C-alpha cells in the first residue's frame, strides 16, 4: 500500500545516505530500484507514485544531509 511504499523509499534513502554521499544520478538510480521492487508488490498510478517520491525525498533530506 502507499504507506509501505513510502516507508520503503525512506529506508532506502536513509541507508544510502548513511553509507555514502550520493550524487543526483546515484539517488535517482536508487529510487528507480526501490520503485521497481514496490511495483512488483503493488500497483500505483503515476500521480500517486510521483507524490510518494516527492514525500520520501523531502523526508529523507530533512533527516539526513549528504
PDB file of N, CA and C in Angstrom:
ATOM      1  N   UNK A   1       0.843  -1.191   0.000  1.00  0.00           N
ATOM      2  CA  UNK A   1       0.000   0.000   0.000  1.00  0.00           C
ATOM      3  C   UNK A   1       0.884   1.249   0.000  1.00  0.00           C
ATOM      4  N   UNK A   2       0.288   2.395  -0.018  1.00  0.00           N
ATOM      5  CA  UNK A   2       1.049   3.645  -0.136  1.00  0.00           C
ATOM      6  C   UNK A   2       1.991   3.863   1.046  1.00  0.00           C
ATOM      7  N   UNK A   3       1.539   3.568   2.252  1.00  0.00           N
ATOM      8  CA  UNK A   3       2.397   3.758   3.427  1.00  0.00           C
ATOM      9  C   UNK A   3       3.627   2.858   3.371  1.00  0.00           C
ATOM     10  N   UNK A   4       3.425   1.626   2.944  1.00  0.00           N
ATOM     11  CA  UNK A   4       4.549   0.695   2.839  1.00  0.00           C
ATOM     12  C   UNK A   4       5.561   1.175   1.819  1.00  0.00           C
ATOM     13  N   UNK A   5       5.063   1.705   0.687  1.00  0.00           N
ATOM     14  CA  UNK A   5       5.971   2.201  -0.344  1.00  0.00           C
ATOM     15  C   UNK A   5       6.760   3.393   0.168  1.00  0.00           C
ATOM     16  N   UNK A   6       6.100   4.304   0.845  1.00  0.00           N
ATOM     17  CA  UNK A   6       6.795   5.467   1.397  1.00  0.00           C
ATOM     18  C   UNK A   6       7.865   5.016   2.377  1.00  0.00           C
ATOM     19  N   UNK A   7       7.518   4.066   3.246  1.00  0.00           N
ATOM     20  CA  UNK A   7       8.481   3.553   4.223  1.00  0.00           C
ATOM     21  C   UNK A   7       9.678   2.914   3.521  1.00  0.00           C
ATOM     22  N   UNK A   8       9.414   2.141   2.467  1.00  0.00           N
ATOM     23  CA  UNK A   8      10.489   1.504   1.709  1.00  0.00           C
ATOM     24  C   UNK A   8      11.431   2.547   1.120  1.00  0.00           C
ATOM     25  N   UNK A   9      10.868   3.593   0.533  1.00  0.00           N
ATOM     26  CA  UNK A   9      11.697   4.621  -0.100  1.00  0.00           C
ATOM     27  C   UNK A   9      12.501   5.399   0.926  1.00  0.00           C
ATOM     28  N   UNK A  10      11.896   5.731   2.048  1.00  0.00           N
ATOM     29  CA  UNK A  10      12.611   6.479   3.085  1.00  0.00           C
ATOM     30  C   UNK A  10      13.746   5.633   3.648  1.00  0.00           C
ATOM     31  N   UNK A  11      13.473   4.338   3.888  1.00  0.00           N
ATOM     32  CA  UNK A  11      14.522   3.455   4.391  1.00  0.00           C
ATOM     33  C   UNK A  11      15.661   3.341   3.383  1.00  0.00           C
ATOM     34  N   UNK A  12      15.329   3.189   2.115  1.00  0.00           N
ATOM     35  CA  UNK A  12      16.360   3.067   1.081  1.00  0.00           C
ATOM     36  C   UNK A  12      17.201   4.334   1.024  1.00  0.00           C
ATOM     37  N   UNK A  13      16.551   5.493   1.070  1.00  0.00           N
ATOM     38  CA  UNK A  13      17.279   6.765   1.048  1.00  0.00           C
ATOM     39  C   UNK A  13      18.172   6.892   2.278  1.00  0.00           C
ATOM     40  N   UNK A  14      17.637   6.573   3.449  1.00  0.00           N
ATOM     41  CA  UNK A  14      18.395   6.723   4.688  1.00  0.00           C
ATOM     42  C   UNK A  14      19.607   5.802   4.708  1.00  0.00           C
ATOM     43  N   UNK A  15      19.416   4.554   4.267  1.00  0.00           N
ATOM     44  CA  UNK A  15      20.535   3.615   4.232  1.00  0.00           C
ATOM     45  C   UNK A  15      21.614   4.113   3.284  1.00  0.00           C
ATOM     46  N   UNK A  16      21.216   4.604   2.149  1.00  0.00           N
ATOM     47  CA  UNK A  16      22.186   5.073   1.162  1.00  0.00           C
ATOM     48  C   UNK A  16      22.966   6.267   1.702  1.00  0.00           C
ATOM     49  N   UNK A  17      22.277   7.200   2.349  1.00  0.00           N
ATOM     50  CA  UNK A  17      22.962   8.376   2.866  1.00  0.00           C
ATOM     51  C   UNK A  17      23.886   8.026   4.022  1.00  0.00           C
ATOM     52  N   UNK A  18      23.539   7.008   4.795  1.00  0.00           N
ATOM     53  CA  UNK A  18      24.405   6.642   5.911  1.00  0.00           C
ATOM     54  C   UNK A  18      25.656   5.912   5.422  1.00  0.00           C
ATOM     55  N   UNK A  19      25.587   5.288   4.247  1.00  0.00           N
ATOM     56  CA  UNK A  19      26.727   4.536   3.726  1.00  0.00           C
ATOM     57  C   UNK A  19      27.672   5.401   2.906  1.00  0.00           C
ATOM     58  N   UNK A  20      27.134   6.363   2.197  1.00  0.00           N
ATOM     59  CA  UNK A  20      27.959   7.135   1.270  1.00  0.00           C
ATOM     60  C   UNK A  20      27.247   8.416   0.888  1.00  0.00           C
ATOM     61  N   UNK A  21      27.993   9.338   0.327  1.00  0.00           N
ATOM     62  CA  UNK A  21      27.350  10.526  -0.215  1.00  0.00           C
ATOM     63  C   UNK A  21      27.000  10.240  -1.665  1.00  0.00           C
ATOM     64  N   UNK A  22      25.807  10.631  -2.055  1.00  0.00           N
ATOM     65  CA  UNK A  22      25.308  10.312  -3.378  1.00  0.00           C
ATOM     66  C   UNK A  22      25.187  11.553  -4.240  1.00  0.00           C
ATOM     67  N   UNK A  23      25.507  11.384  -5.509  1.00  0.00           N
ATOM     68  CA  UNK A  23      25.181  12.444  -6.445  1.00  0.00           C
ATOM     69  C   UNK A  23      23.752  12.212  -6.947  1.00  0.00           C
ATOM     70  N   UNK A  24      23.255  13.131  -7.732  1.00  0.00           N
ATOM     71  CA  UNK A  24      21.861  13.050  -8.168  1.00  0.00           C
ATOM     72  C   UNK A  24      21.583  11.783  -8.970  1.00  0.00           C
ATOM     73  N   UNK A  25      22.513  11.383  -9.822  1.00  0.00           N
ATOM     74  CA  UNK A  25      22.308  10.188 -10.632  1.00  0.00           C
ATOM     75  C   UNK A  25      22.197   8.936  -9.769  1.00  0.00           C
ATOM     76  N   UNK A  26      23.044   8.837  -8.754  1.00  0.00           N
ATOM     77  CA  UNK A  26      23.001   7.669  -7.875  1.00  0.00           C
ATOM     78  C   UNK A  26      21.694   7.614  -7.096  1.00  0.00           C
ATOM     79  N   UNK A  27      21.235   8.763  -6.626  1.00  0.00           N
ATOM     80  CA  UNK A  27      19.981   8.803  -5.884  1.00  0.00           C
ATOM     81  C   UNK A  27      18.817   8.419  -6.786  1.00  0.00           C
ATOM     82  N   UNK A  28      18.827   8.913  -8.011  1.00  0.00           N
ATOM     83  CA  UNK A  28      17.771   8.555  -8.961  1.00  0.00           C
ATOM     84  C   UNK A  28      17.765   7.053  -9.202  1.00  0.00           C
ATOM     85  N   UNK A  29      18.951   6.473  -9.387  1.00  0.00           N
ATOM     86  CA  UNK A  29      19.056   5.032  -9.614  1.00  0.00           C
ATOM     87  C   UNK A  29      18.505   4.258  -8.417  1.00  0.00           C
ATOM     88  N   UNK A  30      18.836   4.711  -7.220  1.00  0.00           N
ATOM     89  CA  UNK A  30      18.341   4.074  -6.006  1.00  0.00           C
ATOM     90  C   UNK A  30      16.817   4.100  -5.952  1.00  0.00           C
ATOM     91  N   UNK A  31      16.235   5.255  -6.250  1.00  0.00           N
ATOM     92  CA  UNK A  31      14.782   5.384  -6.214  1.00  0.00           C
ATOM     93  C   UNK A  31      14.127   4.522  -7.283  1.00  0.00           C
ATOM     94  N   UNK A  32      14.732   4.436  -8.456  1.00  0.00           N
ATOM     95  CA  UNK A  32      14.178   3.593  -9.516  1.00  0.00           C
ATOM     96  C   UNK A  32      14.184   2.131  -9.078  1.00  0.00           C
ATOM     97  N   UNK A  33      15.270   1.693  -8.438  1.00  0.00           N
ATOM     98  CA  UNK A  33      15.334   0.318  -7.948  1.00  0.00           C
ATOM     99  C   UNK A  33      14.262   0.074  -6.884  1.00  0.00           C
ATOM    100  N   UNK A  34      14.098   1.017  -5.981  1.00  0.00           N
ATOM    101  CA  UNK A  34      13.082   0.875  -4.940  1.00  0.00           C
ATOM    102  C   UNK A  34      11.691   0.843  -5.559  1.00  0.00           C
ATOM    103  N   UNK A  35      11.475   1.692  -6.571  1.00  0.00           N
ATOM    104  CA  UNK A  35      10.184   1.704  -7.259  1.00  0.00           C
ATOM    105  C   UNK A  35       9.907   0.364  -7.923  1.00  0.00           C
ATOM    106  N   UNK A  36      10.915  -0.216  -8.555  1.00  0.00           N
ATOM    107  CA  UNK A  36      10.736  -1.492  -9.237  1.00  0.00           C
ATOM    108  C   UNK A  36      10.303  -2.568  -8.251  1.00  0.00           C
ATOM    109  N   UNK A  37      10.940  -2.588  -7.078  1.00  0.00           N
ATOM    110  CA  UNK A  37      10.561  -3.554  -6.051  1.00  0.00           C
ATOM    111  C   UNK A  37       9.130  -3.303  -5.594  1.00  0.00           C
ATOM    112  N   UNK A  38       8.790  -2.046  -5.408  1.00  0.00           N
ATOM    113  CA  UNK A  38       7.452  -1.710  -4.937  1.00  0.00           C
ATOM    114  C   UNK A  38       6.397  -2.080  -5.973  1.00  0.00           C
ATOM    115  N   UNK A  39       6.705  -1.843  -7.258  1.00  0.00           N
ATOM    116  CA  UNK A  39       5.740  -2.168  -8.303  1.00  0.00           C
ATOM    117  C   UNK A  39       5.504  -3.665  -8.401  1.00  0.00           C
ATOM    118  N   UNK A  40       6.485  -4.467  -8.043  1.00  0.00           N
ATOM    119  CA  UNK A  40       6.286  -5.906  -8.083  1.00  0.00           C
ATOM    120  C   UNK A  40       5.353  -6.347  -6.952  1.00  0.00           C
ATOM    121  N   UNK A  41       5.198  -5.488  -5.945  1.00  0.00           N
ATOM    122  CA  UNK A  41       4.348  -5.814  -4.804  1.00  0.00           C
ATOM    123  C   UNK A  41       2.961  -5.182  -4.905  1.00  0.00           C
ATOM    124  N   UNK A  42       2.858  -4.051  -5.574  1.00  0.00           N
ATOM    125  CA  UNK A  42       1.585  -3.340  -5.622  1.00  0.00           C
ATOM    126  C   UNK A  42       1.515  -2.501  -6.880  1.00  0.00           C
ATOM    127  N   UNK A  43       0.315  -2.086  -7.232  1.00  0.00           N
ATOM    128  CA  UNK A  43       0.170  -1.233  -8.408  1.00  0.00           C
ATOM    129  C   UNK A  43      -0.238   0.162  -7.971  1.00  0.00           C
ATOM    130  N   UNK A  44       0.431   1.154  -8.539  1.00  0.00           N
ATOM    131  CA  UNK A  44       0.134   2.553  -8.244  1.00  0.00           C
ATOM    132  C   UNK A  44       0.038   3.312  -9.550  1.00  0.00           C
ATOM    133  N   UNK A  45      -0.822   4.329  -9.573  1.00  0.00           N
ATOM    134  CA  UNK A  45      -0.841   5.160 -10.771  1.00  0.00           C
ATOM    135  C   UNK A  45       0.307   6.168 -10.705  1.00  0.00           C
ATOM    136  N   UNK A  46       0.581   6.802 -11.814  1.00  0.00           N
ATOM    137  CA  UNK A  46       1.739   7.685 -11.913  1.00  0.00           C
ATOM    138  C   UNK A  46       1.666   8.853 -10.938  1.00  0.00           C
ATOM    139  N   UNK A  47       0.491   9.446 -10.775  1.00  0.00           N
ATOM    140  CA  UNK A  47       0.362  10.588  -9.871  1.00  0.00           C
ATOM    141  C   UNK A  47       0.657  10.189  -8.431  1.00  0.00           C
ATOM    142  N   UNK A  48       0.158   9.041  -8.012  1.00  0.00           N
ATOM    143  CA  UNK A  48       0.408   8.572  -6.651  1.00  0.00           C
ATOM    144  C   UNK A  48       1.889   8.312  -6.432  1.00  0.00           C
ATOM    145  N   UNK A  49       2.527   7.700  -7.418  1.00  0.00           N
ATOM    146  CA  UNK A  49       3.944   7.394  -7.286  1.00  0.00           C
ATOM    147  C   UNK A  49       4.771   8.672  -7.206  1.00  0.00           C
ATOM    148  N   UNK A  50       4.455   9.631  -8.062  1.00  0.00           N
ATOM    149  CA  UNK A  50       5.178  10.905  -8.036  1.00  0.00           C
ATOM    150  C   UNK A  50       5.038  11.568  -6.677  1.00  0.00           C
ATOM    151  N   UNK A  51       3.825  11.574  -6.149  1.00  0.00           N
ATOM    152  CA  UNK A  51       3.588  12.181  -4.837  1.00  0.00           C
ATOM    153  C   UNK A  51       4.399  11.468  -3.758  1.00  0.00           C
ATOM    154  N   UNK A  52       4.421  10.142  -3.802  1.00  0.00           N
ATOM    155  CA  UNK A  52       5.176   9.379  -2.809  1.00  0.00           C
ATOM    156  C   UNK A  52       6.668   9.659  -2.901  1.00  0.00           C
ATOM    157  N   UNK A  53       7.187   9.762  -4.126  1.00  0.00           N
ATOM    158  CA  UNK A  53       8.610  10.037  -4.289  1.00  0.00           C
ATOM    159  C   UNK A  53       8.975  11.405  -3.744  1.00  0.00           C
ATOM    160  N   UNK A  54       8.143  12.389  -4.007  1.00  0.00           N
ATOM    161  CA  UNK A  54       8.404  13.739  -3.503  1.00  0.00           C
ATOM    162  C   UNK A  54       8.390  13.738  -1.979  1.00  0.00           C
ATOM    163  N   UNK A  55       7.397  13.059  -1.386  1.00  0.00           N
ATOM    164  CA  UNK A  55       7.319  12.988   0.073  1.00  0.00           C
ATOM    165  C   UNK A  55       8.533  12.255   0.644  1.00  0.00           C
ATOM    166  N   UNK A  56       8.894  11.138   0.046  1.00  0.00           N
ATOM    167  CA  UNK A  56      10.022  10.354   0.548  1.00  0.00           C
ATOM    168  C   UNK A  56      11.318  11.144   0.449  1.00  0.00           C
ATOM    169  N   UNK A  57      11.524  11.830  -0.665  1.00  0.00           N
ATOM    170  CA  UNK A  57      12.728  12.643  -0.824  1.00  0.00           C
ATOM    171  C   UNK A  57      12.770  13.749   0.218  1.00  0.00           C
ATOM    172  N   UNK A  58      11.647  14.421   0.426  1.00  0.00           N
ATOM    173  CA  UNK A  58      11.606  15.517   1.390  1.00  0.00           C
ATOM    174  C   UNK A  58      11.930  15.025   2.791  1.00  0.00           C
ATOM    175  N   UNK A  59      11.336  13.893   3.170  1.00  0.00           N
ATOM    176  CA  UNK A  59      11.599  13.338   4.496  1.00  0.00           C
ATOM    177  C   UNK A  59      13.061  12.931   4.634  1.00  0.00           C
ATOM    178  N   UNK A  60      13.596  12.268   3.622  1.00  0.00           N
ATOM    179  CA  UNK A  60      14.977  11.795   3.691  1.00  0.00           C
ATOM    180  C   UNK A  60      15.948  12.959   3.783  1.00  0.00           C
ATOM    181  N   UNK A  61      15.722  13.995   2.995  1.00  0.00           N
ATOM    182  CA  UNK A  61      16.634  15.133   3.012  1.00  0.00           C
ATOM    183  C   UNK A  61      16.521  15.930   4.307  1.00  0.00           C
ATOM    184  N   UNK A  62      15.341  15.936   4.925  1.00  0.00           N
ATOM    185  CA  UNK A  62      15.210  16.674   6.177  1.00  0.00           C
ATOM    186  C   UNK A  62      15.842  15.908   7.341  1.00  0.00           C
ATOM    187  N   UNK A  63      15.941  14.569   7.209  1.00  0.00           N
ATOM    188  CA  UNK A  63      16.516  13.754   8.275  1.00  0.00           C
ATOM    189  C   UNK A  63      18.031  13.624   8.149  1.00  0.00           C
ATOM    190  N   UNK A  64      18.512  13.489   6.927  1.00  0.00           N
ATOM    191  CA  UNK A  64      19.925  13.210   6.699  1.00  0.00           C
ATOM    192  C   UNK A  64      20.424  14.086   5.567  1.00  0.00           C
ATOM    193  N   UNK A  65      21.512  14.773   5.829  1.00  0.00           N
ATOM    194  CA  UNK A  65      22.114  15.614   4.787  1.00  0.00           C
ATOM    195  C   UNK A  65      23.296  14.873   4.171  1.00  0.00           C
ATOM    196  N   UNK A  66      23.406  14.877   2.840  1.00  0.00           N
ATOM    197  CA  UNK A  66      24.538  14.197   2.195  1.00  0.00           C
ATOM    198  C   UNK A  66      25.851  14.900   2.479  1.00  0.00           C
TER     199      UNK A  66
END
